[in-house]
Amino acid sequence: MEKINWRYLLQQSSLILILSYLLLFASTHNGLVNETVLIISACLFAVVGGYWLVVGFPRRHPLEWPLVAFIGVLVITTLTSIDPRRSLSELWLIGISILLFLAIGDFIRRGLPEDLVLKAVFIVGTMIMAFAWLEGIRWYVNWFRTTGVLLPGINYRLPLPNFFGVLLILLL
């Protein structure tokens, strides 16, 4: 009988819980206004920031300049949009996803087992993608029940399409 690696299981479950929290709660519009979510988010970001301060800031990432360009374009389009206030919240949510992407890469480069991180990302990513697909299927079923038309004349739009689009692309 193989010995159970409790440290690995604790790391795995912690990483799954943290990723789930960050992607499903903290990086939604509710996470921007709910005081409890904001406090928990601030604590988690403080822990990650403290880790980087103790261990050292992240090394250069191969996607650093493309991501800087992407964020730069997002900032320009946000400030020149029809509703900059609403666009700024989307920019914040997209920024959380990009920060999480960079943090995961840095943690792997610093020695966190790759399979541990990838399993957590795959599990949480599967949950998020399942929610997105289930929401789309629910919309289509309601459309079909209401109209009786097999092919909708309008397009389905994900809730939080800007955020989910970026998140699903990063997960892919």
N, C-alpha and C. Protein backbone atom coordinates (compact mmCIF):
# COMPACT_ATOMS: atom_id res chain seq x y z
N MET A 1 0.83 -1.18 0.00
CA MET A 1 0.00 0.00 0.00
C MET A 1 0.88 1.25 0.00
N GLU A 2 0.53 2.17 -0.89
CA GLU A 2 1.33 3.39 -1.05
C GLU A 2 1.00 4.40 0.05
N LYS A 3 2.04 5.07 0.54
CA LYS A 3 1.87 6.06 1.59
C LYS A 3 1.23 7.33 1.01
N ILE A 4 0.28 7.91 1.73
CA ILE A 4 -0.40 9.12 1.28
C ILE A 4 0.49 10.32 1.54
N ASN A 5 0.67 11.13 0.52
CA ASN A 5 1.46 12.35 0.64
C ASN A 5 0.53 13.48 1.08
N TRP A 6 0.41 13.68 2.39
CA TRP A 6 -0.52 14.66 2.94
C TRP A 6 -0.14 16.09 2.56
N ARG A 7 1.14 16.35 2.48
CA ARG A 7 1.59 17.70 2.10
C ARG A 7 1.12 18.03 0.69
N TYR A 8 1.28 17.08 -0.22
CA TYR A 8 0.85 17.28 -1.60
C TYR A 8 -0.66 17.48 -1.66
N LEU A 9 -1.43 16.65 -0.93
CA LEU A 9 -2.88 16.79 -0.92
C LEU A 9 -3.33 18.13 -0.35
N LEU A 10 -2.65 18.59 0.69
CA LEU A 10 -2.97 19.89 1.27
C LEU A 10 -2.66 21.01 0.28
N GLN A 11 -1.51 20.92 -0.38
CA GLN A 11 -1.17 21.92 -1.40
C GLN A 11 -2.19 21.91 -2.53
N GLN A 12 -2.56 20.71 -2.99
CA GLN A 12 -3.49 20.59 -4.10
C GLN A 12 -4.86 21.17 -3.74
N SER A 13 -5.38 20.78 -2.59
CA SER A 13 -6.70 21.28 -2.19
C SER A 13 -6.67 22.79 -1.94
N SER A 14 -5.59 23.29 -1.35
CA SER A 14 -5.47 24.74 -1.11
C SER A 14 -5.44 25.49 -2.43
N LEU A 15 -4.67 24.99 -3.36
CA LEU A 15 -4.56 25.65 -4.66
C LEU A 15 -5.90 25.63 -5.41
N ILE A 16 -6.62 24.52 -5.34
CA ILE A 16 -7.94 24.43 -5.98
C ILE A 16 -8.90 25.43 -5.34
N LEU A 17 -8.90 25.50 -4.02
CA LEU A 17 -9.79 26.44 -3.32
C LEU A 17 -9.44 27.89 -3.64
N ILE A 18 -8.15 28.22 -3.63
CA ILE A 18 -7.73 29.60 -3.92
C ILE A 18 -8.07 29.98 -5.35
N LEU A 19 -7.75 29.10 -6.30
CA LEU A 19 -8.08 29.38 -7.70
C LEU A 19 -9.59 29.51 -7.90
N SER A 20 -10.35 28.62 -7.28
CA SER A 20 -11.80 28.69 -7.39
C SER A 20 -12.31 30.02 -6.85
N TYR A 21 -11.80 30.40 -5.70
CA TYR A 21 -12.22 31.67 -5.11
C TYR A 21 -11.89 32.84 -6.04
N LEU A 22 -10.63 32.89 -6.49
CA LEU A 22 -10.20 34.03 -7.30
C LEU A 22 -10.96 34.11 -8.62
N LEU A 23 -11.21 32.97 -9.24
CA LEU A 23 -11.84 33.00 -10.56
C LEU A 23 -13.36 33.02 -10.50
N LEU A 24 -13.96 32.44 -9.48
CA LEU A 24 -15.42 32.38 -9.43
C LEU A 24 -16.05 33.47 -8.57
N PHE A 25 -15.32 34.02 -7.61
CA PHE A 25 -15.91 35.02 -6.73
C PHE A 25 -15.21 36.36 -6.84
N ALA A 26 -13.91 36.38 -6.59
CA ALA A 26 -13.18 37.65 -6.52
C ALA A 26 -13.09 38.36 -7.86
N SER A 27 -13.14 37.62 -8.93
CA SER A 27 -12.98 38.26 -10.24
C SER A 27 -14.31 38.42 -10.97
N THR A 28 -15.37 38.62 -10.21
CA THR A 28 -16.67 38.93 -10.80
C THR A 28 -17.08 40.31 -10.31
N HIS A 29 -18.12 40.85 -10.90
CA HIS A 29 -18.58 42.17 -10.49
C HIS A 29 -19.01 42.18 -9.03
N ASN A 30 -19.57 41.06 -8.56
CA ASN A 30 -19.94 40.97 -7.15
C ASN A 30 -18.71 41.11 -6.26
N GLY A 31 -17.58 40.60 -6.73
CA GLY A 31 -16.34 40.70 -5.97
C GLY A 31 -15.82 42.11 -5.86
N LEU A 32 -16.33 43.02 -6.68
CA LEU A 32 -15.90 44.41 -6.62
C LEU A 32 -16.70 45.23 -5.61
N VAL A 33 -17.87 44.73 -5.21
CA VAL A 33 -18.73 45.52 -4.32
C VAL A 33 -19.03 44.83 -2.99
N ASN A 34 -18.84 43.53 -2.90
CA ASN A 34 -19.14 42.80 -1.68
C ASN A 34 -17.96 42.95 -0.71
N GLU A 35 -18.22 43.53 0.46
CA GLU A 35 -17.15 43.84 1.41
C GLU A 35 -16.40 42.59 1.87
N THR A 36 -17.10 41.50 2.14
CA THR A 36 -16.45 40.27 2.59
C THR A 36 -15.51 39.73 1.52
N VAL A 37 -15.99 39.71 0.29
CA VAL A 37 -15.15 39.22 -0.82
C VAL A 37 -13.93 40.13 -0.99
N LEU A 38 -14.12 41.43 -0.86
CA LEU A 38 -12.99 42.36 -0.99
C LEU A 38 -11.95 42.14 0.11
N ILE A 39 -12.40 41.88 1.33
CA ILE A 39 -11.46 41.64 2.44
C ILE A 39 -10.68 40.36 2.21
N ILE A 40 -11.37 39.29 1.82
CA ILE A 40 -10.68 38.02 1.56
C ILE A 40 -9.71 38.18 0.39
N SER A 41 -10.14 38.89 -0.65
CA SER A 41 -9.26 39.12 -1.81
C SER A 41 -8.02 39.89 -1.39
N ALA A 42 -8.20 40.93 -0.59
CA ALA A 42 -7.06 41.72 -0.13
C ALA A 42 -6.08 40.84 0.66
N CYS A 43 -6.62 39.95 1.50
CA CYS A 43 -5.75 39.05 2.27
C CYS A 43 -4.98 38.10 1.35
N LEU A 44 -5.68 37.52 0.36
CA LEU A 44 -4.99 36.60 -0.56
C LEU A 44 -3.93 37.32 -1.38
N PHE A 45 -4.26 38.52 -1.87
CA PHE A 45 -3.27 39.28 -2.63
C PHE A 45 -2.10 39.69 -1.74
N ALA A 46 -2.36 39.96 -0.46
CA ALA A 46 -1.28 40.30 0.47
C ALA A 46 -0.36 39.10 0.68
N VAL A 47 -0.94 37.89 0.78
CA VAL A 47 -0.13 36.68 0.94
C VAL A 47 0.74 36.46 -0.30
N VAL A 48 0.13 36.57 -1.49
CA VAL A 48 0.90 36.39 -2.73
C VAL A 48 1.96 37.48 -2.84
N GLY A 49 1.59 38.73 -2.55
CA GLY A 49 2.56 39.82 -2.59
C GLY A 49 3.67 39.63 -1.58
N GLY A 50 3.32 39.18 -0.37
CA GLY A 50 4.33 38.90 0.64
C GLY A 50 5.27 37.80 0.21
N TYR A 51 4.72 36.77 -0.42
CA TYR A 51 5.55 35.68 -0.94
C TYR A 51 6.58 36.24 -1.93
N TRP A 52 6.09 37.07 -2.85
CA TRP A 52 7.00 37.63 -3.85
C TRP A 52 8.03 38.55 -3.22
N LEU A 53 7.65 39.27 -2.16
CA LEU A 53 8.62 40.14 -1.48
C LEU A 53 9.68 39.33 -0.76
N VAL A 54 9.29 38.22 -0.13
CA VAL A 54 10.24 37.38 0.61
C VAL A 54 11.13 36.59 -0.36
N VAL A 55 10.51 35.94 -1.33
CA VAL A 55 11.24 35.07 -2.25
C VAL A 55 11.92 35.88 -3.35
N GLY A 56 11.38 37.02 -3.65
CA GLY A 56 11.91 37.84 -4.74
C GLY A 56 10.86 38.02 -5.81
N PHE A 57 10.91 39.13 -6.46
CA PHE A 57 9.92 39.41 -7.49
C PHE A 57 10.05 38.43 -8.65
N PRO A 58 8.98 38.27 -9.41
CA PRO A 58 9.01 37.30 -10.51
C PRO A 58 10.11 37.62 -11.52
N ARG A 59 10.64 36.56 -12.06
CA ARG A 59 11.61 36.73 -13.13
C ARG A 59 10.87 37.15 -14.39
N ARG A 60 11.62 37.55 -15.36
CA ARG A 60 10.99 37.98 -16.62
C ARG A 60 10.23 36.82 -17.24
N HIS A 61 9.09 37.16 -17.79
CA HIS A 61 8.20 36.17 -18.39
C HIS A 61 8.24 36.36 -19.91
N PRO A 62 8.25 35.28 -20.69
CA PRO A 62 8.32 35.43 -22.15
C PRO A 62 7.13 36.21 -22.73
N LEU A 63 6.02 36.21 -22.04
CA LEU A 63 4.85 36.95 -22.54
C LEU A 63 4.74 38.34 -21.93
N GLU A 64 5.80 38.79 -21.26
CA GLU A 64 5.74 40.07 -20.57
C GLU A 64 5.38 41.22 -21.52
N TRP A 65 6.10 41.38 -22.60
CA TRP A 65 5.84 42.51 -23.50
C TRP A 65 4.52 42.37 -24.25
N PRO A 66 4.15 41.19 -24.73
CA PRO A 66 2.81 41.09 -25.33
C PRO A 66 1.69 41.42 -24.34
N LEU A 67 1.85 41.00 -23.08
CA LEU A 67 0.83 41.32 -22.08
C LEU A 67 0.82 42.80 -21.74
N VAL A 68 2.00 43.42 -21.69
CA VAL A 68 2.07 44.87 -21.45
C VAL A 68 1.37 45.61 -22.60
N ALA A 69 1.61 45.17 -23.83
CA ALA A 69 0.96 45.79 -24.98
C ALA A 69 -0.56 45.59 -24.91
N PHE A 70 -0.99 44.38 -24.55
CA PHE A 70 -2.41 44.06 -24.43
C PHE A 70 -3.07 44.95 -23.38
N ILE A 71 -2.44 45.06 -22.20
CA ILE A 71 -2.98 45.91 -21.13
C ILE A 71 -2.98 47.37 -21.56
N GLY A 72 -1.93 47.79 -22.26
CA GLY A 72 -1.86 49.17 -22.75
C GLY A 72 -3.01 49.50 -23.68
N VAL A 73 -3.29 48.60 -24.61
CA VAL A 73 -4.41 48.80 -25.53
C VAL A 73 -5.73 48.80 -24.75
N LEU A 74 -5.85 47.91 -23.77
CA LEU A 74 -7.07 47.88 -22.94
C LEU A 74 -7.26 49.19 -22.18
N VAL A 75 -6.17 49.74 -21.64
CA VAL A 75 -6.27 51.00 -20.90
C VAL A 75 -6.72 52.13 -21.83
N ILE A 76 -6.13 52.19 -23.01
CA ILE A 76 -6.50 53.24 -23.98
C ILE A 76 -7.96 53.11 -24.40
N THR A 77 -8.37 51.89 -24.74
CA THR A 77 -9.76 51.70 -25.16
C THR A 77 -10.73 51.91 -24.00
N THR A 78 -10.30 51.60 -22.77
CA THR A 78 -11.14 51.83 -21.60
C THR A 78 -11.37 53.32 -21.38
N LEU A 79 -10.30 54.08 -21.44
CA LEU A 79 -10.40 55.52 -21.19
C LEU A 79 -11.15 56.26 -22.29
N THR A 80 -11.15 55.70 -23.50
CA THR A 80 -11.85 56.35 -24.61
C THR A 80 -13.18 55.70 -24.94
N SER A 81 -13.65 54.80 -24.08
CA SER A 81 -14.91 54.11 -24.34
C SER A 81 -16.10 55.03 -24.04
N ILE A 82 -17.28 54.57 -24.41
CA ILE A 82 -18.50 55.32 -24.16
C ILE A 82 -18.77 55.44 -22.66
N ASP A 83 -18.48 54.37 -21.91
CA ASP A 83 -18.71 54.35 -20.46
C ASP A 83 -17.43 53.89 -19.76
N PRO A 84 -16.46 54.82 -19.55
CA PRO A 84 -15.18 54.43 -18.95
C PRO A 84 -15.31 53.80 -17.56
N ARG A 85 -16.28 54.23 -16.76
CA ARG A 85 -16.44 53.68 -15.41
C ARG A 85 -16.73 52.18 -15.49
N ARG A 86 -17.63 51.81 -16.36
CA ARG A 86 -17.96 50.39 -16.51
C ARG A 86 -16.79 49.62 -17.13
N SER A 87 -16.12 50.24 -18.07
CA SER A 87 -14.97 49.58 -18.71
C SER A 87 -13.82 49.39 -17.73
N LEU A 88 -13.65 50.30 -16.77
CA LEU A 88 -12.57 50.15 -15.79
C LEU A 88 -12.77 48.91 -14.93
N SER A 89 -14.02 48.60 -14.59
CA SER A 89 -14.25 47.39 -13.80
C SER A 89 -13.90 46.14 -14.61
N GLU A 90 -14.22 46.16 -15.90
CA GLU A 90 -13.83 45.03 -16.76
C GLU A 90 -12.31 44.92 -16.87
N LEU A 91 -11.64 46.08 -16.98
CA LEU A 91 -10.18 46.09 -17.04
C LEU A 91 -9.59 45.48 -15.78
N TRP A 92 -10.17 45.81 -14.61
CA TRP A 92 -9.71 45.25 -13.34
C TRP A 92 -9.87 43.73 -13.33
N LEU A 93 -11.02 43.24 -13.78
CA LEU A 93 -11.28 41.80 -13.78
C LEU A 93 -10.33 41.07 -14.73
N ILE A 94 -10.10 41.65 -15.89
CA ILE A 94 -9.15 41.06 -16.84
C ILE A 94 -7.75 41.08 -16.24
N GLY A 95 -7.40 42.16 -15.55
CA GLY A 95 -6.10 42.25 -14.89
C GLY A 95 -5.89 41.17 -13.85
N ILE A 96 -6.94 40.84 -13.10
CA ILE A 96 -6.85 39.75 -12.11
C ILE A 96 -6.51 38.44 -12.80
N SER A 97 -7.17 38.17 -13.93
CA SER A 97 -6.89 36.93 -14.66
C SER A 97 -5.45 36.89 -15.16
N ILE A 98 -4.97 38.00 -15.68
CA ILE A 98 -3.60 38.04 -16.20
C ILE A 98 -2.60 37.90 -15.05
N LEU A 99 -2.85 38.57 -13.92
CA LEU A 99 -1.98 38.44 -12.76
C LEU A 99 -1.93 36.99 -12.28
N LEU A 100 -3.09 36.35 -12.24
CA LEU A 100 -3.15 34.95 -11.83
C LEU A 100 -2.35 34.07 -12.79
N PHE A 101 -2.47 34.32 -14.08
CA PHE A 101 -1.72 33.59 -15.10
C PHE A 101 -0.22 33.74 -14.87
N LEU A 102 0.24 34.98 -14.65
CA LEU A 102 1.66 35.23 -14.42
C LEU A 102 2.13 34.61 -13.10
N ALA A 103 1.29 34.69 -12.06
CA ALA A 103 1.66 34.13 -10.76
C ALA A 103 1.83 32.62 -10.84
N ILE A 104 0.91 31.96 -11.54
CA ILE A 104 1.01 30.50 -11.68
C ILE A 104 2.30 30.13 -12.39
N GLY A 105 2.62 30.84 -13.46
CA GLY A 105 3.88 30.58 -14.17
C GLY A 105 5.09 30.79 -13.28
N ASP A 106 5.05 31.85 -12.47
CA ASP A 106 6.17 32.13 -11.58
C ASP A 106 6.30 31.07 -10.48
N PHE A 107 5.17 30.63 -9.93
CA PHE A 107 5.21 29.60 -8.89
C PHE A 107 5.81 28.31 -9.43
N ILE A 108 5.48 27.96 -10.66
CA ILE A 108 6.06 26.74 -11.26
C ILE A 108 7.56 26.92 -11.46
N ARG A 109 7.98 28.09 -11.95
CA ARG A 109 9.41 28.34 -12.15
C ARG A 109 10.17 28.33 -10.83
N ARG A 110 9.50 28.62 -9.74
CA ARG A 110 10.15 28.67 -8.43
C ARG A 110 10.11 27.34 -7.70
N GLY A 111 9.56 26.31 -8.33
CA GLY A 111 9.67 24.99 -7.72
C GLY A 111 8.37 24.32 -7.31
N LEU A 112 7.24 25.02 -7.40
CA LEU A 112 5.97 24.36 -7.10
C LEU A 112 5.77 23.27 -8.16
N PRO A 113 5.44 22.05 -7.76
CA PRO A 113 5.32 20.96 -8.74
C PRO A 113 4.34 21.31 -9.87
N GLU A 114 4.82 21.13 -11.07
CA GLU A 114 4.04 21.47 -12.26
C GLU A 114 2.71 20.72 -12.31
N ASP A 115 2.74 19.43 -11.98
CA ASP A 115 1.51 18.65 -12.04
C ASP A 115 0.49 19.13 -11.01
N LEU A 116 0.97 19.61 -9.87
CA LEU A 116 0.09 20.14 -8.84
C LEU A 116 -0.67 21.36 -9.37
N VAL A 117 0.05 22.27 -9.97
CA VAL A 117 -0.56 23.50 -10.49
C VAL A 117 -1.47 23.18 -11.67
N LEU A 118 -0.99 22.36 -12.58
CA LEU A 118 -1.79 22.05 -13.77
C LEU A 118 -3.09 21.32 -13.41
N LYS A 119 -3.02 20.41 -12.45
CA LYS A 119 -4.26 19.73 -12.02
C LYS A 119 -5.26 20.74 -11.47
N ALA A 120 -4.78 21.65 -10.63
CA ALA A 120 -5.67 22.66 -10.04
C ALA A 120 -6.27 23.55 -11.12
N VAL A 121 -5.44 23.99 -12.06
CA VAL A 121 -5.94 24.85 -13.15
C VAL A 121 -6.94 24.08 -14.01
N PHE A 122 -6.67 22.83 -14.30
CA PHE A 122 -7.59 22.03 -15.11
C PHE A 122 -8.92 21.80 -14.38
N ILE A 123 -8.86 21.50 -13.10
CA ILE A 123 -10.09 21.26 -12.33
C ILE A 123 -10.94 22.53 -12.27
N VAL A 124 -10.31 23.64 -11.88
CA VAL A 124 -11.05 24.90 -11.78
C VAL A 124 -11.49 25.37 -13.16
N GLY A 125 -10.61 25.25 -14.14
CA GLY A 125 -10.97 25.64 -15.50
C GLY A 125 -12.14 24.83 -16.05
N THR A 126 -12.16 23.56 -15.73
CA THR A 126 -13.28 22.70 -16.15
C THR A 126 -14.58 23.17 -15.52
N MET A 127 -14.52 23.54 -14.24
CA MET A 127 -15.73 24.05 -13.58
C MET A 127 -16.22 25.33 -14.26
N ILE A 128 -15.31 26.24 -14.55
CA ILE A 128 -15.70 27.51 -15.17
C ILE A 128 -16.25 27.27 -16.57
N MET A 129 -15.57 26.43 -17.35
CA MET A 129 -16.06 26.14 -18.69
C MET A 129 -17.41 25.42 -18.64
N ALA A 130 -17.59 24.55 -17.65
CA ALA A 130 -18.88 23.86 -17.51
C ALA A 130 -19.99 24.85 -17.19
N PHE A 131 -19.70 25.81 -16.30
CA PHE A 131 -20.71 26.84 -16.01
C PHE A 131 -21.06 27.62 -17.27
N ALA A 132 -20.04 27.98 -18.05
CA ALA A 132 -20.29 28.74 -19.28
C ALA A 132 -21.13 27.93 -20.27
N TRP A 133 -20.78 26.66 -20.46
CA TRP A 133 -21.55 25.81 -21.39
C TRP A 133 -22.96 25.56 -20.88
N LEU A 134 -23.10 25.29 -19.59
CA LEU A 134 -24.43 25.05 -19.02
C LEU A 134 -25.32 26.29 -19.16
N GLU A 135 -24.75 27.46 -18.97
CA GLU A 135 -25.51 28.69 -19.13
C GLU A 135 -25.96 28.85 -20.59
N GLY A 136 -25.06 28.54 -21.53
CA GLY A 136 -25.43 28.61 -22.94
C GLY A 136 -26.51 27.60 -23.31
N ILE A 137 -26.40 26.39 -22.78
CA ILE A 137 -27.41 25.36 -23.05
C ILE A 137 -28.75 25.76 -22.44
N ARG A 138 -28.72 26.31 -21.22
CA ARG A 138 -29.95 26.77 -20.58
C ARG A 138 -30.63 27.86 -21.41
N TRP A 139 -29.81 28.79 -21.92
CA TRP A 139 -30.36 29.87 -22.76
C TRP A 139 -31.03 29.28 -24.01
N TYR A 140 -30.33 28.33 -24.65
CA TYR A 140 -30.87 27.74 -25.87
C TYR A 140 -32.17 26.98 -25.59
N VAL A 141 -32.21 26.21 -24.50
CA VAL A 141 -33.43 25.46 -24.14
C VAL A 141 -34.58 26.42 -23.90
N ASN A 142 -34.33 27.51 -23.17
CA ASN A 142 -35.37 28.52 -22.94
C ASN A 142 -35.82 29.16 -24.26
N TRP A 143 -34.86 29.43 -25.13
CA TRP A 143 -35.19 29.99 -26.45
C TRP A 143 -36.10 29.03 -27.21
N PHE A 144 -35.73 27.77 -27.25
CA PHE A 144 -36.50 26.78 -28.00
C PHE A 144 -37.90 26.61 -27.41
N ARG A 145 -37.99 26.55 -26.07
CA ARG A 145 -39.30 26.43 -25.42
C ARG A 145 -40.20 27.63 -25.72
N THR A 146 -39.61 28.80 -25.72
CA THR A 146 -40.38 30.03 -25.91
C THR A 146 -40.82 30.21 -27.35
N THR A 147 -39.91 29.97 -28.29
CA THR A 147 -40.20 30.27 -29.70
C THR A 147 -40.56 29.04 -30.52
N GLY A 148 -40.07 27.88 -30.14
CA GLY A 148 -40.27 26.68 -30.94
C GLY A 148 -39.38 26.64 -32.17
N VAL A 149 -38.51 27.63 -32.31
CA VAL A 149 -37.60 27.71 -33.46
C VAL A 149 -36.30 26.99 -33.11
N LEU A 150 -35.85 26.11 -34.01
CA LEU A 150 -34.66 25.31 -33.75
C LEU A 150 -33.38 26.14 -33.76
N LEU A 151 -33.23 27.00 -34.74
CA LEU A 151 -32.03 27.84 -34.84
C LEU A 151 -32.38 29.28 -34.48
N PRO A 152 -31.80 29.81 -33.41
CA PRO A 152 -32.12 31.17 -32.98
C PRO A 152 -31.72 32.21 -34.02
N GLY A 153 -32.50 33.26 -34.10
CA GLY A 153 -32.18 34.36 -35.01
C GLY A 153 -31.26 35.39 -34.37
N ILE A 154 -30.98 35.20 -33.07
CA ILE A 154 -30.07 36.09 -32.37
C ILE A 154 -28.95 35.26 -31.77
N ASN A 155 -27.84 35.90 -31.46
CA ASN A 155 -26.68 35.21 -30.89
C ASN A 155 -26.76 35.19 -29.37
N TYR A 156 -26.29 34.09 -28.82
CA TYR A 156 -26.18 33.98 -27.36
C TYR A 156 -24.95 34.77 -26.91
N ARG A 157 -25.05 35.42 -25.77
CA ARG A 157 -23.93 36.17 -25.22
C ARG A 157 -23.70 35.72 -23.78
N LEU A 158 -22.46 35.31 -23.50
CA LEU A 158 -22.10 34.88 -22.14
C LEU A 158 -22.30 36.01 -21.15
N PRO A 159 -22.65 35.68 -19.90
CA PRO A 159 -22.62 36.72 -18.88
C PRO A 159 -21.16 37.17 -18.71
N LEU A 160 -20.93 38.43 -18.48
CA LEU A 160 -19.57 38.99 -18.39
C LEU A 160 -18.71 38.55 -19.57
N PRO A 161 -19.13 38.83 -20.80
CA PRO A 161 -18.42 38.29 -21.96
C PRO A 161 -16.97 38.73 -22.06
N ASN A 162 -16.65 39.97 -21.68
CA ASN A 162 -15.27 40.42 -21.78
C ASN A 162 -14.38 39.62 -20.84
N PHE A 163 -14.81 39.49 -19.60
CA PHE A 163 -14.03 38.75 -18.62
C PHE A 163 -13.94 37.28 -18.97
N PHE A 164 -15.09 36.65 -19.27
CA PHE A 164 -15.08 35.22 -19.57
C PHE A 164 -14.29 34.92 -20.84
N GLY A 165 -14.36 35.81 -21.82
CA GLY A 165 -13.58 35.59 -23.04
C GLY A 165 -12.10 35.52 -22.74
N VAL A 166 -11.61 36.49 -21.98
CA VAL A 166 -10.18 36.50 -21.62
C VAL A 166 -9.84 35.29 -20.76
N LEU A 167 -10.69 34.98 -19.79
CA LEU A 167 -10.43 33.86 -18.90
C LEU A 167 -10.39 32.53 -19.67
N LEU A 168 -11.36 32.31 -20.54
CA LEU A 168 -11.39 31.06 -21.30
C LEU A 168 -10.18 30.97 -22.24
N ILE A 169 -9.75 32.09 -22.80
CA ILE A 169 -8.56 32.06 -23.66
C ILE A 169 -7.32 31.74 -22.83
N LEU A 170 -7.19 32.36 -21.64
CA LEU A 170 -6.04 32.06 -20.79
C LEU A 170 -6.05 30.60 -20.34
N LEU A 171 -7.21 30.06 -20.02
CA LEU A 171 -7.29 28.65 -19.62
C LEU A 171 -6.91 27.74 -20.78
N LEU A 172 -7.33 28.10 -21.96
CA LEU A 172 -6.99 27.30 -23.14
C LEU A 172 -5.49 27.31 -23.36
